[in-house]
PDB file of N, CA and C in Angstrom:
ATOM      1  N   MET A   1     150.098  73.928 178.421  1.00  0.00           N
ATOM      2  CA  MET A   1     149.447  74.752 176.843  1.00  0.00           C
ATOM      3  C   MET A   1     150.659  75.312 176.212  1.00  0.00           C
ATOM      4  N   LYS A   2     150.464  74.933 174.750  1.00  0.00           N
ATOM      5  CA  LYS A   2     151.421  75.441 174.119  1.00  0.00           C
ATOM      6  C   LYS A   2     151.146  76.745 173.295  1.00  0.00           C
ATOM      7  N   SER A   3     151.781  77.286 173.006  1.00  0.00           N
ATOM      8  CA  SER A   3     151.831  78.678 172.788  1.00  0.00           C
ATOM      9  C   SER A   3     151.647  78.684 171.094  1.00  0.00           C
ATOM     10  N   ASP A   4     151.672  77.732 170.534  1.00  0.00           N
ATOM     11  CA  ASP A   4     151.781  77.314 168.937  1.00  0.00           C
ATOM     12  C   ASP A   4     150.621  78.006 168.469  1.00  0.00           C
ATOM     13  N   PHE A   5     150.707  78.507 167.419  1.00  0.00           N
ATOM     14  CA  PHE A   5     149.569  79.125 166.607  1.00  0.00           C
ATOM     15  C   PHE A   5     149.254  78.400 165.022  1.00  0.00           C
ATOM     16  N   THR A   6     148.403  78.008 164.827  1.00  0.00           N
ATOM     17  CA  THR A   6     148.285  77.521 163.799  1.00  0.00           C
ATOM     18  C   THR A   6     146.940  77.930 162.907  1.00  0.00           C
ATOM     19  N   MET A   7     146.666  77.548 161.750  1.00  0.00           N
ATOM     20  CA  MET A   7     145.500  78.379 161.322  1.00  0.00           C
ATOM     21  C   MET A   7     145.162  77.530 159.635  1.00  0.00           C
ATOM     22  N   THR A   8     144.108  77.314 159.504  1.00  0.00           N
ATOM     23  CA  THR A   8     143.560  76.430 158.297  1.00  0.00           C
ATOM     24  C   THR A   8     142.304  76.993 157.882  1.00  0.00           C
ATOM     25  N   SER A   9     142.284  77.443 156.486  1.00  0.00           N
ATOM     26  CA  SER A   9     141.214  78.206 155.856  1.00  0.00           C
ATOM     27  C   SER A   9     140.395  77.302 154.986  1.00  0.00           C
ATOM     28  N   GLU A  10     139.222  77.571 154.529  1.00  0.00           N
ATOM     29  CA  GLU A  10     138.049  76.875 153.792  1.00  0.00           C
ATOM     30  C   GLU A  10     137.214  77.973 153.105  1.00  0.00           C
ATOM     31  N   GLN A  11     136.833  77.433 151.912  1.00  0.00           N
ATOM     32  CA  GLN A  11     136.022  78.393 151.523  1.00  0.00           C
ATOM     33  C   GLN A  11     134.550  77.831 151.711  1.00  0.00           C
ATOM     34  N   VAL A  12     133.407  78.388 152.092  1.00  0.00           N
ATOM     35  CA  VAL A  12     132.037  77.805 152.022  1.00  0.00           C
ATOM     36  C   VAL A  12     131.146  78.990 151.294  1.00  0.00           C
ATOM     37  N   GLN A  13     130.263  78.322 150.467  1.00  0.00           N
ATOM     38  CA  GLN A  13     129.251  78.907 149.907  1.00  0.00           C
ATOM     39  C   GLN A  13     128.008  79.161 150.327  1.00  0.00           C
ATOM     40  N   VAL A  14     127.400  79.956 150.958  1.00  0.00           N
ATOM     41  CA  VAL A  14     126.145  80.446 151.261  1.00  0.00           C
ATOM     42  C   VAL A  14     125.539  81.151 150.403  1.00  0.00           C
ATOM     43  N   ASP A  15     124.984  82.301 150.618  1.00  0.00           N
ATOM     44  CA  ASP A  15     124.254  83.499 150.020  1.00  0.00           C
ATOM     45  C   ASP A  15     125.277  84.327 149.095  1.00  0.00           C
ATOM     46  N   VAL A  16     126.482  84.230 149.862  1.00  0.00           N
ATOM     47  CA  VAL A  16     127.823  84.716 149.147  1.00  0.00           C
ATOM     48  C   VAL A  16     129.091  84.024 149.855  1.00  0.00           C
ATOM     49  N   PRO A  17     129.828  83.949 149.151  1.00  0.00           N
ATOM     50  CA  PRO A  17     131.254  83.116 149.270  1.00  0.00           C
ATOM     51  C   PRO A  17     131.501  83.352 150.488  1.00  0.00           C
ATOM     52  N   VAL A  18     131.857  82.567 151.567  1.00  0.00           N
ATOM     53  CA  VAL A  18     132.876  82.978 152.876  1.00  0.00           C
ATOM     54  C   VAL A  18     134.113  82.497 153.115  1.00  0.00           C
ATOM     55  N   THR A  19     134.930  82.843 153.358  1.00  0.00           N
ATOM     56  CA  THR A  19     136.191  82.470 153.809  1.00  0.00           C
ATOM     57  C   THR A  19     136.214  82.080 155.389  1.00  0.00           C
ATOM     58  N   VAL A  20     136.472  80.949 155.732  1.00  0.00           N
ATOM     59  CA  VAL A  20     136.713  80.622 157.203  1.00  0.00           C
ATOM     60  C   VAL A  20     138.000  80.245 157.502  1.00  0.00           C
ATOM     61  N   PHE A  21     138.437  80.939 158.574  1.00  0.00           N
ATOM     62  CA  PHE A  21     139.646  80.561 159.053  1.00  0.00           C
ATOM     63  C   PHE A  21     139.601  79.829 160.651  1.00  0.00           C
ATOM     64  N   HIS A  22     140.013  78.810 160.417  1.00  0.00           N
ATOM     65  CA  HIS A  22     140.234  78.087 161.741  1.00  0.00           C
ATOM     66  C   HIS A  22     141.356  78.330 162.678  1.00  0.00           C
ATOM     67  N   VAL A  23     141.071  78.908 163.990  1.00  0.00           N
ATOM     68  CA  VAL A  23     142.529  79.462 164.114  1.00  0.00           C
ATOM     69  C   VAL A  23     142.487  78.379 165.729  1.00  0.00           C
ATOM     70  N   ARG A  24     144.062  78.196 165.549  1.00  0.00           N
ATOM     71  CA  ARG A  24     144.263  77.375 167.066  1.00  0.00           C
ATOM     72  C   ARG A  24     145.247  77.671 168.032  1.00  0.00           C
ATOM     73  N   GLY A  25     145.474  77.649 168.978  1.00  0.00           N
ATOM     74  CA  GLY A  25     146.580  78.144 169.909  1.00  0.00           C
ATOM     75  C   GLY A  25     146.366  79.387 170.522  1.00  0.00           C
ATOM     76  N   TRP A  26     147.442  80.153 170.341  1.00  0.00           N
ATOM     77  CA  TRP A  26     147.659  81.593 170.863  1.00  0.00           C
ATOM     78  C   TRP A  26     147.906  82.500 169.981  1.00  0.00           C
ATOM     79  N   LEU A  27     146.797  83.578 169.826  1.00  0.00           N
ATOM     80  CA  LEU A  27     146.625  84.608 168.921  1.00  0.00           C
ATOM     81  C   LEU A  27     147.329  85.925 169.809  1.00  0.00           C
ATOM     82  N   ASP A  28     148.470  85.966 169.516  1.00  0.00           N
ATOM     83  CA  ASP A  28     149.503  86.938 170.240  1.00  0.00           C
ATOM     84  C   ASP A  28     150.506  87.795 169.233  1.00  0.00           C
ATOM     85  N   ALA A  29     151.236  88.342 169.934  1.00  0.00           N
ATOM     86  CA  ALA A  29     152.044  89.053 169.147  1.00  0.00           C
ATOM     87  C   ALA A  29     153.337  88.103 168.197  1.00  0.00           C
ATOM     88  N   GLN A  30     153.262  87.159 168.596  1.00  0.00           N
ATOM     89  CA  GLN A  30     154.058  86.322 167.777  1.00  0.00           C
ATOM     90  C   GLN A  30     153.363  85.857 166.596  1.00  0.00           C
ATOM     91  N   SER A  31     151.993  85.616 166.789  1.00  0.00           N
ATOM     92  CA  SER A  31     151.133  85.187 165.432  1.00  0.00           C
ATOM     93  C   SER A  31     150.362  86.364 164.886  1.00  0.00           C
ATOM     94  N   GLU A  32     150.398  87.383 165.368  1.00  0.00           N
ATOM     95  CA  GLU A  32     149.552  88.597 164.727  1.00  0.00           C
ATOM     96  C   GLU A  32     149.701  88.506 163.114  1.00  0.00           C
ATOM     97  N   GLU A  33     151.119  88.386 163.021  1.00  0.00           N
ATOM     98  CA  GLU A  33     151.201  88.879 161.415  1.00  0.00           C
ATOM     99  C   GLU A  33     150.785  87.306 160.653  1.00  0.00           C
ATOM    100  N   GLN A  34     150.695  86.399 161.195  1.00  0.00           N
ATOM    101  CA  GLN A  34     150.077  85.095 160.465  1.00  0.00           C
ATOM    102  C   GLN A  34     148.768  85.266 159.833  1.00  0.00           C
ATOM    103  N   LEU A  35     148.369  85.759 161.002  1.00  0.00           N
ATOM    104  CA  LEU A  35     146.579  86.058 160.806  1.00  0.00           C
ATOM    105  C   LEU A  35     146.306  87.101 159.846  1.00  0.00           C
ATOM    106  N   LEU A  36     147.235  88.489 160.173  1.00  0.00           N
ATOM    107  CA  LEU A  36     146.861  89.565 159.006  1.00  0.00           C
ATOM    108  C   LEU A  36     147.488  89.109 157.754  1.00  0.00           C
ATOM    109  N   GLY A  37     148.516  88.527 157.774  1.00  0.00           N
ATOM    110  CA  GLY A  37     149.112  88.035 156.278  1.00  0.00           C
ATOM    111  C   GLY A  37     148.012  87.050 155.369  1.00  0.00           C
ATOM    112  N   ALA A  38     147.718  86.397 156.108  1.00  0.00           N
ATOM    113  CA  ALA A  38     146.479  85.307 155.738  1.00  0.00           C
ATOM    114  C   ALA A  38     145.393  85.974 155.261  1.00  0.00           C
ATOM    115  N   ALA A  39     144.543  87.076 156.015  1.00  0.00           N
ATOM    116  CA  ALA A  39     143.789  88.028 155.770  1.00  0.00           C
ATOM    117  C   ALA A  39     143.815  88.861 154.651  1.00  0.00           C
ATOM    118  N   ARG A  40     144.956  89.035 154.224  1.00  0.00           N
ATOM    119  CA  ARG A  40     145.556  89.833 153.045  1.00  0.00           C
ATOM    120  C   ARG A  40     145.489  89.053 151.803  1.00  0.00           C
ATOM    121  N   ILE A  41     146.126  88.159 152.174  1.00  0.00           N
ATOM    122  CA  ILE A  41     146.185  87.180 150.556  1.00  0.00           C
ATOM    123  C   ILE A  41     144.731  86.761 150.481  1.00  0.00           C
ATOM    124  N   ALA A  42     144.023  86.435 151.350  1.00  0.00           N
ATOM    125  CA  ALA A  42     142.558  86.151 150.873  1.00  0.00           C
ATOM    126  C   ALA A  42     141.730  87.184 150.222  1.00  0.00           C
ATOM    127  N   HIS A  43     141.781  88.503 150.802  1.00  0.00           N
ATOM    128  CA  HIS A  43     141.321  89.683 150.063  1.00  0.00           C
ATOM    129  C   HIS A  43     141.763  90.094 149.144  1.00  0.00           C
ATOM    130  N   ASP A  44     143.097  90.020 148.906  1.00  0.00           N
ATOM    131  CA  ASP A  44     143.628  90.139 147.392  1.00  0.00           C
ATOM    132  C   ASP A  44     143.304  88.971 146.579  1.00  0.00           C
ATOM    133  N   GLU A  45     142.872  87.959 146.873  1.00  0.00           N
ATOM    134  CA  GLU A  45     142.023  86.829 145.869  1.00  0.00           C
ATOM    135  C   GLU A  45     140.845  87.138 145.893  1.00  0.00           C
ATOM    136  N   GLY A  46     139.848  88.126 146.287  1.00  0.00           N
ATOM    137  CA  GLY A  46     138.701  88.522 146.106  1.00  0.00           C
ATOM    138  C   GLY A  46     137.806  87.827 147.429  1.00  0.00           C
ATOM    139  N   ALA A  47     138.250  87.403 148.428  1.00  0.00           N
ATOM    140  CA  ALA A  47     137.515  87.224 149.394  1.00  0.00           C
ATOM    141  C   ALA A  47     137.083  88.316 150.297  1.00  0.00           C
ATOM    142  N   ARG A  48     135.676  88.918 150.387  1.00  0.00           N
ATOM    143  CA  ARG A  48     135.203  89.892 150.794  1.00  0.00           C
ATOM    144  C   ARG A  48     134.239  89.551 152.091  1.00  0.00           C
ATOM    145  N   TYR A  49     134.277  88.268 152.512  1.00  0.00           N
ATOM    146  CA  TYR A  49     133.429  87.825 153.785  1.00  0.00           C
ATOM    147  C   TYR A  49     134.232  86.686 154.496  1.00  0.00           C
ATOM    148  N   LEU A  50     134.287  87.008 155.570  1.00  0.00           N
ATOM    149  CA  LEU A  50     135.490  86.380 156.579  1.00  0.00           C
ATOM    150  C   LEU A  50     134.953  85.985 158.035  1.00  0.00           C
ATOM    151  N   LEU A  51     134.913  84.646 157.887  1.00  0.00           N
ATOM    152  CA  LEU A  51     134.478  84.035 159.232  1.00  0.00           C
ATOM    153  C   LEU A  51     135.468  83.397 160.066  1.00  0.00           C
ATOM    154  N   ILE A  52     135.891  83.914 161.408  1.00  0.00           N
ATOM    155  CA  ILE A  52     136.918  83.415 162.137  1.00  0.00           C
ATOM    156  C   ILE A  52     136.439  82.547 163.248  1.00  0.00           C
ATOM    157  N   ASP A  53     136.754  81.076 163.021  1.00  0.00           N
ATOM    158  CA  ASP A  53     136.432  80.008 163.742  1.00  0.00           C
ATOM    159  C   ASP A  53     137.206  79.896 164.951  1.00  0.00           C
ATOM    160  N   MET A  54     136.896  80.345 166.280  1.00  0.00           N
ATOM    161  CA  MET A  54     137.956  80.581 167.434  1.00  0.00           C
ATOM    162  C   MET A  54     137.575  79.508 168.356  1.00  0.00           C
ATOM    163  N   SER A  55     137.089  78.147 167.894  1.00  0.00           N
ATOM    164  CA  SER A  55     136.934  76.901 169.175  1.00  0.00           C
ATOM    165  C   SER A  55     137.991  76.155 169.408  1.00  0.00           C
ATOM    166  N   ASP A  56     139.157  76.367 168.891  1.00  0.00           N
ATOM    167  CA  ASP A  56     140.311  75.935 169.526  1.00  0.00           C
ATOM    168  C   ASP A  56     141.347  76.959 169.663  1.00  0.00           C
ATOM    169  N   LEU A  57     140.836  78.390 169.735  1.00  0.00           N
ATOM    170  CA  LEU A  57     141.877  79.355 170.386  1.00  0.00           C
ATOM    171  C   LEU A  57     141.857  79.522 171.946  1.00  0.00           C
ATOM    172  N   ASP A  58     143.359  79.066 172.506  1.00  0.00           N
ATOM    173  CA  ASP A  58     143.734  78.879 173.801  1.00  0.00           C
ATOM    174  C   ASP A  58     143.674  80.255 174.460  1.00  0.00           C
ATOM    175  N   THR A  59     144.406  81.141 173.799  1.00  0.00           N
ATOM    176  CA  THR A  59     144.623  82.859 174.441  1.00  0.00           C
ATOM    177  C   THR A  59     144.651  83.485 173.385  1.00  0.00           C
ATOM    178  N   LEU A  60     143.878  84.769 173.761  1.00  0.00           N
ATOM    179  CA  LEU A  60     143.701  86.103 172.966  1.00  0.00           C
ATOM    180  C   LEU A  60     144.638  87.298 173.681  1.00  0.00           C
ATOM    181  N   THR A  61     145.563  87.484 173.295  1.00  0.00           N
ATOM    182  CA  THR A  61     146.307  89.001 173.964  1.00  0.00           C
ATOM    183  C   THR A  61     145.812  90.248 173.037  1.00  0.00           C
ATOM    184  N   SER A  62     146.043  91.553 173.815  1.00  0.00           N
ATOM    185  CA  SER A  62     146.021  92.587 173.292  1.00  0.00           C
ATOM    186  C   SER A  62     146.556  92.607 171.726  1.00  0.00           C
ATOM    187  N   ALA A  63     147.399  91.861 171.530  1.00  0.00           N
ATOM    188  CA  ALA A  63     148.063  91.992 170.026  1.00  0.00           C
ATOM    189  C   ALA A  63     147.001  91.097 169.288  1.00  0.00           C
ATOM    190  N   GLY A  64     146.388  90.150 169.595  1.00  0.00           N
ATOM    191  CA  GLY A  64     145.310  89.089 168.890  1.00  0.00           C
ATOM    192  C   GLY A  64     144.279  90.276 168.722  1.00  0.00           C
ATOM    193  N   ILE A  65     143.644  91.195 169.543  1.00  0.00           N
ATOM    194  CA  ILE A  65     142.767  91.527 169.308  1.00  0.00           C
ATOM    195  C   ILE A  65     142.882  93.113 168.368  1.00  0.00           C
ATOM    196  N   ARG A  66     144.275  93.273 168.358  1.00  0.00           N
ATOM    197  CA  ARG A  66     144.610  94.213 167.677  1.00  0.00           C
ATOM    198  C   ARG A  66     144.348  93.604 165.971  1.00  0.00           C
ATOM    199  N   ALA A  67     144.933  92.429 165.944  1.00  0.00           N
ATOM    200  CA  ALA A  67     145.120  91.891 164.933  1.00  0.00           C
ATOM    201  C   ALA A  67     143.762  91.864 163.975  1.00  0.00           C
ATOM    202  N   ILE A  68     142.670  91.318 164.798  1.00  0.00           N
ATOM    203  CA  ILE A  68     141.520  91.057 164.153  1.00  0.00           C
ATOM    204  C   ILE A  68     140.870  92.487 164.413  1.00  0.00           C
ATOM    205  N   GLN A  69     141.045  93.456 164.990  1.00  0.00           N
ATOM    206  CA  GLN A  69     140.509  94.809 164.614  1.00  0.00           C
ATOM    207  C   GLN A  69     140.994  95.368 163.182  1.00  0.00           C
ATOM    208  N   LYS A  70     142.264  95.151 162.913  1.00  0.00           N
ATOM    209  CA  LYS A  70     142.912  95.169 161.547  1.00  0.00           C
ATOM    210  C   LYS A  70     142.143  94.200 160.707  1.00  0.00           C
ATOM    211  N   VAL A  71     141.910  93.046 160.570  1.00  0.00           N
ATOM    212  CA  VAL A  71     141.073  92.178 159.752  1.00  0.00           C
ATOM    213  C   VAL A  71     139.903  93.027 159.443  1.00  0.00           C
ATOM    214  N   TYR A  72     139.325  93.514 160.709  1.00  0.00           N
ATOM    215  CA  TYR A  72     137.923  94.115 160.804  1.00  0.00           C
ATOM    216  C   TYR A  72     137.943  95.279 159.750  1.00  0.00           C
ATOM    217  N   GLN A  73     138.917  96.315 160.040  1.00  0.00           N
ATOM    218  CA  GLN A  73     138.845  97.450 159.199  1.00  0.00           C
ATOM    219  C   GLN A  73     139.403  96.680 157.429  1.00  0.00           C
ATOM    220  N   MET A  74     140.260  95.909 157.335  1.00  0.00           N
ATOM    221  CA  MET A  74     140.457  95.413 155.990  1.00  0.00           C
ATOM    222  C   MET A  74     139.186  94.924 155.293  1.00  0.00           C
ATOM    223  N   TYR A  75     138.097  94.124 156.014  1.00  0.00           N
ATOM    224  CA  TYR A  75     137.138  93.625 155.304  1.00  0.00           C
ATOM    225  C   TYR A  75     135.850  94.238 155.243  1.00  0.00           C
ATOM    226  N   THR A  76     135.887  95.364 155.918  1.00  0.00           N
ATOM    227  CA  THR A  76     134.748  96.358 156.215  1.00  0.00           C
ATOM    228  C   THR A  76     134.722  97.697 155.397  1.00  0.00           C
ATOM    229  N   PRO A  77     134.010  97.791 154.067  1.00  0.00           N
ATOM    230  CA  PRO A  77     134.121  98.988 153.471  1.00  0.00           C
ATOM    231  C   PRO A  77     133.781  99.953 154.271  1.00  0.00           C
ATOM    232  N   LYS A  78     134.149 101.318 153.883  1.00  0.00           N
ATOM    233  CA  LYS A  78     133.547 102.253 155.001  1.00  0.00           C
ATOM    234  C   LYS A  78     132.068 102.894 154.683  1.00  0.00           C
ATOM    235  N   GLU A  79     131.825 102.435 153.613  1.00  0.00           N
ATOM    236  CA  GLU A  79     130.008 102.846 153.099  1.00  0.00           C
ATOM    237  C   GLU A  79     129.148 101.547 153.864  1.00  0.00           C
ATOM    238  N   ASP A  80     129.729 100.516 154.376  1.00  0.00           N
ATOM    239  CA  ASP A  80     128.986  99.396 154.990  1.00  0.00           C
ATOM    240  C   ASP A  80     129.186  99.427 156.449  1.00  0.00           C
ATOM    241  N   HIS A  81     130.166 100.305 157.149  1.00  0.00           N
ATOM    242  CA  HIS A  81     130.451 100.267 158.489  1.00  0.00           C
ATOM    243  C   HIS A  81     129.044 100.342 159.050  1.00  0.00           C
ATOM    244  N   MET A  82     128.846  99.674 160.175  1.00  0.00           N
ATOM    245  CA  MET A  82     127.615  99.451 160.824  1.00  0.00           C
ATOM    246  C   MET A  82     126.381  99.145 160.164  1.00  0.00           C
ATOM    247  N   LYS A  83     126.768  98.684 158.829  1.00  0.00           N
ATOM    248  CA  LYS A  83     125.475  98.392 158.503  1.00  0.00           C
ATOM    249  C   LYS A  83     125.523  96.651 158.093  1.00  0.00           C
ATOM    250  N   VAL A  84     126.647  96.231 157.305  1.00  0.00           N
ATOM    251  CA  VAL A  84     126.492  94.848 156.980  1.00  0.00           C
ATOM    252  C   VAL A  84     127.811  94.355 157.591  1.00  0.00           C
ATOM    253  N   ALA A  85     127.880  93.310 158.369  1.00  0.00           N
ATOM    254  CA  ALA A  85     129.268  92.792 159.146  1.00  0.00           C
ATOM    255  C   ALA A  85     129.845  91.475 157.933  1.00  0.00           C
ATOM    256  N   HIS A  86     131.173  92.359 157.366  1.00  0.00           N
ATOM    257  CA  HIS A  86     131.983  91.371 156.493  1.00  0.00           C
ATOM    258  C   HIS A  86     132.909  90.287 157.271  1.00  0.00           C
ATOM    259  N   LEU A  87     133.025  90.812 158.775  1.00  0.00           N
ATOM    260  CA  LEU A  87     133.689  89.728 159.752  1.00  0.00           C
ATOM    261  C   LEU A  87     132.687  89.342 160.914  1.00  0.00           C
ATOM    262  N   LYS A  88     133.044  87.822 160.981  1.00  0.00           N
ATOM    263  CA  LYS A  88     132.159  87.431 161.734  1.00  0.00           C
ATOM    264  C   LYS A  88     132.870  86.770 162.666  1.00  0.00           C
ATOM    265  N   LEU A  89     132.776  86.160 163.987  1.00  0.00           N
ATOM    266  CA  LEU A  89     133.494  85.219 164.765  1.00  0.00           C
ATOM    267  C   LEU A  89     132.449  84.300 165.219  1.00  0.00           C
ATOM    268  N   CYS A  90     132.988  83.119 165.459  1.00  0.00           N
ATOM    269  CA  CYS A  90     131.858  82.006 166.076  1.00  0.00           C
ATOM    270  C   CYS A  90     132.999  81.138 167.042  1.00  0.00           C
ATOM    271  N   ASN A  91     132.313  80.239 167.845  1.00  0.00           N
ATOM    272  CA  ASN A  91     132.609  79.149 168.789  1.00  0.00           C
ATOM    273  C   ASN A  91     133.795  79.807 169.726  1.00  0.00           C
ATOM    274  N   ALA A  92     133.670  80.873 170.270  1.00  0.00           N
ATOM    275  CA  ALA A  92     134.671  81.549 171.107  1.00  0.00           C
ATOM    276  C   ALA A  92     134.720  80.889 172.498  1.00  0.00           C
ATOM    277  N   PRO A  93     135.875  80.345 173.165  1.00  0.00           N
ATOM    278  CA  PRO A  93     135.738  79.506 174.263  1.00  0.00           C
ATOM    279  C   PRO A  93     135.353  80.737 175.449  1.00  0.00           C
ATOM    280  N   PRO A  94     134.780  80.131 176.616  1.00  0.00           N
ATOM    281  CA  PRO A  94     134.079  81.434 177.522  1.00  0.00           C
ATOM    282  C   PRO A  94     135.337  82.387 177.816  1.00  0.00           C
ATOM    283  N   GLN A  95     136.719  82.006 178.088  1.00  0.00           N
ATOM    284  CA  GLN A  95     137.576  83.128 178.459  1.00  0.00           C
ATOM    285  C   GLN A  95     138.035  83.899 177.430  1.00  0.00           C
ATOM    286  N   ILE A  96     137.671  83.799 175.949  1.00  0.00           N
ATOM    287  CA  ILE A  96     137.880  84.512 174.900  1.00  0.00           C
ATOM    288  C   ILE A  96     136.958  85.532 174.692  1.00  0.00           C
ATOM    289  N   TYR A  97     135.744  84.912 174.862  1.00  0.00           N
ATOM    290  CA  TYR A  97     134.463  85.415 174.584  1.00  0.00           C
ATOM    291  C   TYR A  97     134.518  86.652 175.645  1.00  0.00           C
ATOM    292  N   ASN A  98     134.725  86.258 176.968  1.00  0.00           N
ATOM    293  CA  ASN A  98     134.708  87.390 177.633  1.00  0.00           C
ATOM    294  C   ASN A  98     135.974  88.470 177.689  1.00  0.00           C
ATOM    295  N   VAL A  99     136.811  88.061 177.593  1.00  0.00           N
ATOM    296  CA  VAL A  99     138.291  89.147 176.953  1.00  0.00           C
ATOM    297  C   VAL A  99     137.410  90.279 175.680  1.00  0.00           C
ATOM    298  N   LEU A 100     136.916  89.387 174.628  1.00  0.00           N
ATOM    299  CA  LEU A 100     135.964  90.456 173.685  1.00  0.00           C
ATOM    300  C   LEU A 100     134.970  91.273 174.097  1.00  0.00           C
ATOM    301  N   GLY A 101     134.146  90.621 174.897  1.00  0.00           N
ATOM    302  CA  GLY A 101     133.069  91.468 175.478  1.00  0.00           C
ATOM    303  C   GLY A 101     133.662  92.438 176.488  1.00  0.00           C
ATOM    304  N   ILE A 102     134.638  92.519 177.126  1.00  0.00           N
ATOM    305  CA  ILE A 102     135.220  93.365 178.151  1.00  0.00           C
ATOM    306  C   ILE A 102     135.862  94.446 177.412  1.00  0.00           C
ATOM    307  N   THR A 103     136.311  94.128 176.285  1.00  0.00           N
ATOM    308  CA  THR A 103     137.327  95.436 175.343  1.00  0.00           C
ATOM    309  C   THR A 103     135.946  95.939 174.545  1.00  0.00           C
ATOM    310  N   GLY A 104     134.626  95.595 174.653  1.00  0.00           N
ATOM    311  CA  GLY A 104     133.790  96.475 173.619  1.00  0.00           C
ATOM    312  C   GLY A 104     134.142  95.658 171.923  1.00  0.00           C
ATOM    313  N   PHE A 105     134.948  94.702 172.126  1.00  0.00           N
ATOM    314  CA  PHE A 105     134.972  94.433 170.410  1.00  0.00           C
ATOM    315  C   PHE A 105     133.784  94.115 169.848  1.00  0.00           C
ATOM    316  N   LEU A 106     132.945  93.301 170.721  1.00  0.00           N
ATOM    317  CA  LEU A 106     132.158  92.426 170.055  1.00  0.00           C
ATOM    318  C   LEU A 106     130.584  93.183 169.739  1.00  0.00           C
ATOM    319  N   GLN A 107     130.767  94.821 170.210  1.00  0.00           N
ATOM    320  CA  GLN A 107     129.937  95.586 169.592  1.00  0.00           C
ATOM    321  C   GLN A 107     129.876  95.938 168.090  1.00  0.00           C
ATOM    322  N   ASN A 108     130.989  95.716 167.649  1.00  0.00           N
ATOM    323  CA  ASN A 108     131.085  96.115 165.983  1.00  0.00           C
ATOM    324  C   ASN A 108     131.262  94.639 165.339  1.00  0.00           C
ATOM    325  N   VAL A 109     131.866  93.841 165.778  1.00  0.00           N
ATOM    326  CA  VAL A 109     132.119  92.319 165.302  1.00  0.00           C
ATOM    327  C   VAL A 109     131.142  91.042 165.728  1.00  0.00           C
ATOM    328  N   PRO A 110     130.066  90.733 165.128  1.00  0.00           N
ATOM    329  CA  PRO A 110     129.012  90.086 165.889  1.00  0.00           C
ATOM    330  C   PRO A 110     129.637  88.399 166.095  1.00  0.00           C
ATOM    331  N   MET A 111     129.435  87.561 167.316  1.00  0.00           N
ATOM    332  CA  MET A 111     129.996  86.524 167.459  1.00  0.00           C
ATOM    333  C   MET A 111     128.950  85.486 167.892  1.00  0.00           C
ATOM    334  N   TYR A 112     129.011  84.286 166.995  1.00  0.00           N
ATOM    335  CA  TYR A 112     127.736  83.563 166.930  1.00  0.00           C
ATOM    336  C   TYR A 112     128.249  81.959 167.762  1.00  0.00           C
ATOM    337  N   GLU A 113     127.452  81.251 168.455  1.00  0.00           N
ATOM    338  CA  GLU A 113     127.939  80.114 169.050  1.00  0.00           C
ATOM    339  C   GLU A 113     128.369  78.916 168.170  1.00  0.00           C
ATOM    340  N   SER A 114     127.932  79.041 166.953  1.00  0.00           N
ATOM    341  CA  SER A 114     127.971  77.939 166.254  1.00  0.00           C
ATOM    342  C   SER A 114     128.935  78.481 164.884  1.00  0.00           C
ATOM    343  N   MET A 115     129.555  77.590 163.907  1.00  0.00           N
ATOM    344  CA  MET A 115     129.769  77.985 162.590  1.00  0.00           C
ATOM    345  C   MET A 115     128.703  78.039 161.636  1.00  0.00           C
ATOM    346  N   SER A 116     127.819  77.185 161.905  1.00  0.00           N
ATOM    347  CA  SER A 116     126.503  76.969 160.936  1.00  0.00           C
ATOM    348  C   SER A 116     125.635  78.479 161.173  1.00  0.00           C
ATOM    349  N   ALA A 117     125.312  78.922 162.454  1.00  0.00           N
ATOM    350  CA  ALA A 117     124.539  79.718 162.929  1.00  0.00           C
ATOM    351  C   ALA A 117     125.232  81.154 162.182  1.00  0.00           C
ATOM    352  N   ALA A 118     126.558  81.210 162.045  1.00  0.00           N
ATOM    353  CA  ALA A 118     127.018  82.290 161.659  1.00  0.00           C
ATOM    354  C   ALA A 118     127.015  82.497 160.274  1.00  0.00           C
ATOM    355  N   LEU A 119     127.490  81.288 159.327  1.00  0.00           N
ATOM    356  CA  LEU A 119     127.282  81.321 158.120  1.00  0.00           C
ATOM    357  C   LEU A 119     126.121  81.528 157.507  1.00  0.00           C
ATOM    358  N   GLU A 120     124.789  80.972 158.097  1.00  0.00           N
ATOM    359  CA  GLU A 120     123.298  81.600 157.493  1.00  0.00           C
ATOM    360  C   GLU A 120     123.277  82.767 157.441  1.00  0.00           C
ATOM    361  N   THR A 121     123.884  83.653 158.308  1.00  0.00           N
ATOM    362  CA  THR A 121     123.618  84.957 158.360  1.00  0.00           C
ATOM    363  C   THR A 121     124.118  86.029 157.234  1.00  0.00           C
ATOM    364  N   PHE A 122     125.373  85.590 156.711  1.00  0.00           N
ATOM    365  CA  PHE A 122     126.194  86.132 155.472  1.00  0.00           C
ATOM    366  C   PHE A 122     124.953  86.198 154.212  1.00  0.00           C
ATOM    367  N   GLY A 123     125.235  87.540 153.781  1.00  0.00           N
ATOM    368  CA  GLY A 123     124.425  87.920 152.726  1.00  0.00           C
ATOM    369  C   GLY A 123     122.990  88.367 153.244  1.00  0.00           C
ATOM    370  N   ARG A 124     122.703  88.430 154.327  1.00  0.00           N
ATOM    371  CA  ARG A 124     121.412  88.364 154.831  1.00  0.00           C
ATOM    372  C   ARG A 124     121.160  89.683 155.930  1.00  0.00           C
ATOM    373  N   ASP A 125     122.478  90.189 156.101  1.00  0.00           N
ATOM    374  CA  ASP A 125     122.243  91.381 157.166  1.00  0.00           C
ATOM    375  C   ASP A 125     122.506  92.581 156.239  1.00  0.00           C
TER     376      ASP A 125
END
């Protein structure tokens, strides 16, 4: 298995505009800043809703979880904390889903089985 991390993004218009990151490879200490940098740039350009598609993610380490937590904090205004999910996840392979579940991460960030299921919830929660 390769440890390379790549990421692409797209804009999807549902009830609100959503930026979608498609991540591939290993989200770890070497790739943490790549995810954070892309999230910062998108946020600075006006993105307020973010979906991370994990269908091609092979490995998620504690550094990767830390990166997603920082993205969550960046996209979630304090007044919306626990009310509106500005960051959502989808398509996690079983091993990634288990890691997120064990850490308690999914208590704050919703996970969906498909990109379409996640997208239809933006702007409605």
